[in-house]
């Protein structure tokens, strides 16, 4: 729960998380616009302004539970030349954008070590938090359970071959995801972290050498 963290940590962590979430949603909107759907643009979501993307309840959940969300970007696949592939590309744009941000900040951390720089503890911690949060956000969103981005990608892959499975996941996925989150919160058995933890640590090492 973020509100229990020390103030000096929150000062660095919250802006990193805020920008990561907003850039993630902006990237969905940007990809949809690039593929021909202007729905998000018309609704003011093709922007990095955090006020356009933040969900009040999702923001409170981040502070008090450690898990939250931004407002989903509206997408109309009817505007895409190939709706199935278009939705997969829009879904992947979010996690991909977070990995790009993590790569940039991780490269800055590597530069600090290579050239033995001393940017100060606050700058280094900001870079670390920013890298870590973006990798974690990308990995979490690739879990193939609705409403996460991974479910749209999985639906695009399996939809033509196994629509029944896709329908079942779309129907029950949100409750499964919520159940895993609540179970981890109540028991401290973080099943989701068991899934994404090795991925997060692997990318953290690849990008930042940590």
Protein backbone atom coordinates (compact mmCIF):
# COMPACT_ATOMS: atom_id res chain seq x y z
CA UNK A 1 0.00 0.00 0.00
CA UNK A 2 1.68 3.14 -1.22
CA UNK A 3 0.29 5.48 1.45
CA UNK A 4 2.35 3.60 4.05
CA UNK A 5 5.62 4.38 2.29
CA UNK A 6 7.96 7.10 3.49
CA UNK A 7 7.17 10.57 2.07
CA UNK A 8 10.54 10.81 0.32
CA UNK A 9 9.78 7.56 -1.49
CA UNK A 10 6.26 8.63 -2.46
CA UNK A 11 7.60 11.87 -3.93
CA UNK A 12 9.60 9.80 -6.42
CA UNK A 13 7.27 6.85 -6.84
CA UNK A 14 3.96 8.59 -7.54
CA UNK A 15 5.16 10.79 -10.44
CA UNK A 16 6.82 7.74 -12.01
CA UNK A 17 3.64 5.71 -11.70
CA UNK A 18 1.47 8.57 -12.93
CA UNK A 19 3.53 9.14 -16.05
CA UNK A 20 3.83 5.41 -16.77
CA UNK A 21 0.05 4.95 -16.61
CA UNK A 22 -0.69 8.03 -18.71
CA UNK A 23 1.90 7.16 -21.35
CA UNK A 24 0.47 3.63 -21.48
CA UNK A 25 -3.05 4.91 -22.20
CA UNK A 26 -1.80 7.58 -24.60
CA UNK A 27 0.00 4.85 -26.58
CA UNK A 28 -3.26 2.90 -26.96
CA UNK A 29 -4.91 6.05 -28.30
CA UNK A 30 -1.97 6.85 -30.58
CA UNK A 31 -1.94 3.39 -32.14
CA UNK A 32 -5.72 3.39 -32.65
CA UNK A 33 -5.48 6.81 -34.31
CA UNK A 34 -2.63 5.61 -36.51
CA UNK A 35 -4.75 2.66 -37.65
CA UNK A 36 -7.67 4.91 -38.58
CA UNK A 37 -9.80 5.13 -35.43
CA UNK A 38 -10.20 8.71 -34.18
CA UNK A 39 -12.56 7.82 -31.31
CA UNK A 40 -9.96 8.39 -28.60
CA UNK A 41 -8.84 11.65 -30.20
CA UNK A 42 -12.43 12.95 -30.30
CA UNK A 43 -12.80 12.13 -26.61
CA UNK A 44 -9.62 13.97 -25.66
CA UNK A 45 -7.52 10.89 -24.92
CA UNK A 46 -4.77 11.46 -27.50
CA UNK A 47 -2.81 13.45 -24.94
CA UNK A 48 -0.27 13.02 -22.13
CA UNK A 49 -2.37 15.19 -19.81
CA UNK A 50 -2.89 12.96 -16.74
CA UNK A 51 -6.32 14.48 -16.09
CA UNK A 52 -7.56 12.90 -19.33
CA UNK A 53 -6.51 9.40 -18.27
CA UNK A 54 -6.81 9.13 -14.49
CA UNK A 55 -9.72 7.27 -12.96
CA UNK A 56 -10.46 8.62 -9.44
CA UNK A 57 -11.31 5.21 -7.98
CA UNK A 58 -8.34 3.60 -9.70
CA UNK A 59 -6.02 6.26 -8.27
CA UNK A 60 -7.35 5.71 -4.75
CA UNK A 61 -6.92 1.97 -5.13
CA UNK A 62 -3.27 2.49 -6.04
CA UNK A 63 -2.70 4.45 -2.83
CA UNK A 64 -4.61 2.20 -0.45
CA UNK A 65 -4.38 -1.26 -2.02
CA UNK A 66 -1.27 -1.05 -4.19
CA UNK A 67 -3.24 -1.92 -7.33
CA UNK A 68 -5.21 0.43 -9.53
CA UNK A 69 -6.02 1.49 -13.05
CA UNK A 70 -6.46 4.39 -15.46
CA UNK A 71 -9.52 5.01 -17.63
CA UNK A 72 -9.60 2.57 -20.58
CA UNK A 73 -9.10 4.18 -23.97
CA UNK A 74 -12.23 3.88 -26.19
CA UNK A 75 -11.49 1.99 -29.40
CA UNK A 76 -13.84 1.23 -32.31
CA UNK A 77 -12.34 -1.66 -34.33
CA UNK A 78 -14.79 -1.02 -37.20
CA UNK A 79 -12.41 1.69 -38.40
CA UNK A 80 -9.52 -0.76 -38.76
CA UNK A 81 -8.72 -2.41 -42.06
CA UNK A 82 -8.29 -5.69 -40.16
CA UNK A 83 -10.21 -5.41 -36.83
CA UNK A 84 -8.62 -8.49 -35.27
CA UNK A 85 -5.03 -7.47 -35.97
CA UNK A 86 -5.84 -3.84 -35.25
CA UNK A 87 -7.09 -4.61 -31.75
CA UNK A 88 -3.99 -6.73 -31.10
CA UNK A 89 -1.75 -3.85 -32.16
CA UNK A 90 -3.64 -1.33 -30.04
CA UNK A 91 -3.48 -3.65 -27.03
CA UNK A 92 0.25 -4.30 -27.43
CA UNK A 93 1.03 -0.60 -27.84
CA UNK A 94 0.50 0.03 -24.12
CA UNK A 95 2.94 -2.54 -22.70
CA UNK A 96 5.40 -1.84 -25.53
CA UNK A 97 5.44 1.87 -24.67
CA UNK A 98 6.25 1.08 -21.05
CA UNK A 99 9.13 -1.17 -22.11
CA UNK A 100 10.48 1.64 -24.30
CA UNK A 101 10.40 4.04 -21.34
CA UNK A 102 12.06 1.42 -19.13
CA UNK A 103 14.78 0.85 -21.74
CA UNK A 104 15.56 4.59 -21.87
CA UNK A 105 15.75 5.02 -18.11
CA UNK A 106 17.63 1.73 -17.74
CA UNK A 107 20.17 2.95 -20.27
CA UNK A 108 20.62 6.08 -18.17
CA UNK A 109 21.32 3.91 -15.12
CA UNK A 110 23.90 1.92 -17.08
CA UNK A 111 25.50 5.19 -18.19
CA UNK A 112 25.81 6.27 -14.56
CA UNK A 113 27.69 3.08 -13.73
CA UNK A 114 29.85 3.01 -16.86
CA UNK A 115 31.08 6.58 -16.47
CA UNK A 116 31.07 6.51 -12.65
CA UNK A 117 28.75 9.51 -12.48
CA UNK A 118 27.23 10.90 -9.30
CA UNK A 119 23.81 12.38 -10.13
CA UNK A 120 22.69 12.25 -6.52
CA UNK A 121 20.62 9.72 -4.60
CA UNK A 122 17.28 11.30 -5.54
CA UNK A 123 17.97 11.18 -9.29
CA UNK A 124 19.25 7.62 -9.13
CA UNK A 125 16.23 6.45 -7.11
CA UNK A 126 13.89 8.22 -9.53
CA UNK A 127 15.49 6.41 -12.47
CA UNK A 128 15.27 3.09 -10.64
CA UNK A 129 11.62 3.52 -9.69
CA UNK A 130 10.75 4.69 -13.19
CA UNK A 131 12.47 1.69 -14.79
CA UNK A 132 10.98 -0.80 -12.36
CA UNK A 133 7.42 0.55 -12.54
CA UNK A 134 7.35 0.60 -16.33
CA UNK A 135 8.61 -2.97 -16.59
CA UNK A 136 6.14 -4.16 -13.96
CA UNK A 137 3.25 -2.35 -15.67
CA UNK A 138 4.14 -3.91 -19.02
CA UNK A 139 4.46 -7.41 -17.57
CA UNK A 140 1.24 -7.15 -15.56
CA UNK A 141 -0.76 -5.93 -18.54
CA UNK A 142 0.43 -8.83 -20.68
CA UNK A 143 -1.35 -11.33 -18.39
CA UNK A 144 -4.03 -12.82 -20.68
CA UNK A 145 -7.00 -12.02 -18.44
CA UNK A 146 -9.58 -9.30 -19.13
CA UNK A 147 -9.49 -6.37 -18.83
CA UNK A 148 -5.70 -6.48 -19.28
CA UNK A 149 -4.08 -5.95 -22.67
CA UNK A 150 -2.85 -9.53 -22.84
CA UNK A 151 -6.44 -10.74 -23.11
CA UNK A 152 -6.96 -8.75 -26.34
CA UNK A 153 -3.79 -10.20 -27.81
CA UNK A 154 -4.78 -13.73 -26.79
CA UNK A 155 -8.27 -13.19 -28.23
CA UNK A 156 -6.75 -12.13 -31.53
CA UNK A 157 -4.60 -15.25 -31.64
CA UNK A 158 -7.18 -17.80 -30.45
CA UNK A 159 -10.38 -16.14 -31.62
CA UNK A 160 -10.54 -17.69 -35.09
CA UNK A 161 -9.65 -21.16 -33.79
CA UNK A 162 -11.30 -21.32 -30.37
CA UNK A 163 -13.95 -18.61 -29.92
CA UNK A 164 -15.56 -20.53 -27.04
CA UNK A 165 -12.40 -20.28 -24.95
CA UNK A 166 -12.07 -16.59 -25.73
CA UNK A 167 -15.69 -15.98 -24.74
CA UNK A 168 -15.19 -17.88 -21.48
CA UNK A 169 -12.10 -15.84 -20.62
CA UNK A 170 -13.84 -12.57 -21.49
CA UNK A 171 -16.73 -13.54 -19.24
CA UNK A 172 -14.86 -14.89 -16.21
CA UNK A 173 -11.43 -13.28 -16.59
CA UNK A 174 -12.15 -10.10 -14.59
CA UNK A 175 -13.37 -12.09 -11.58
CA UNK A 176 -10.37 -14.43 -11.79
CA UNK A 177 -8.00 -11.46 -11.89
CA UNK A 178 -9.78 -9.72 -9.00
CA UNK A 179 -9.75 -12.96 -7.04
CA UNK A 180 -5.99 -13.34 -7.49
CA UNK A 181 -5.41 -9.74 -6.38
CA UNK A 182 -7.66 -10.04 -3.31
CA UNK A 183 -6.18 -13.44 -2.42
CA UNK A 184 -2.68 -11.98 -2.55
CA UNK A 185 -3.73 -8.98 -0.47
CA UNK A 186 -5.42 -11.14 2.20
CA UNK A 187 -2.85 -13.93 2.44
CA UNK A 188 0.36 -12.26 1.25
CA UNK A 189 0.68 -15.11 -1.27
CA UNK A 190 1.36 -13.09 -4.41
CA UNK A 191 0.44 -15.47 -7.22
CA UNK A 192 0.51 -12.67 -9.78
CA UNK A 193 4.02 -11.73 -8.67
CA UNK A 194 5.09 -15.38 -9.02
CA UNK A 195 4.03 -15.06 -12.66
CA UNK A 196 5.47 -11.68 -13.56
CA UNK A 197 8.30 -11.40 -11.02
CA UNK A 198 10.90 -13.32 -13.04
CA UNK A 199 9.97 -11.29 -16.13
CA UNK A 200 10.33 -8.01 -14.26
CA UNK A 201 13.67 -9.00 -12.75
CA UNK A 202 14.91 -10.28 -16.11
CA UNK A 203 14.13 -7.05 -17.95
CA UNK A 204 15.52 -5.00 -15.07
CA UNK A 205 18.81 -6.81 -15.49
CA UNK A 206 18.77 -6.52 -19.30
CA UNK A 207 17.89 -2.81 -19.33
CA UNK A 208 19.71 -1.50 -16.25
CA UNK A 209 22.11 -4.27 -15.24
CA UNK A 210 20.45 -4.51 -11.80
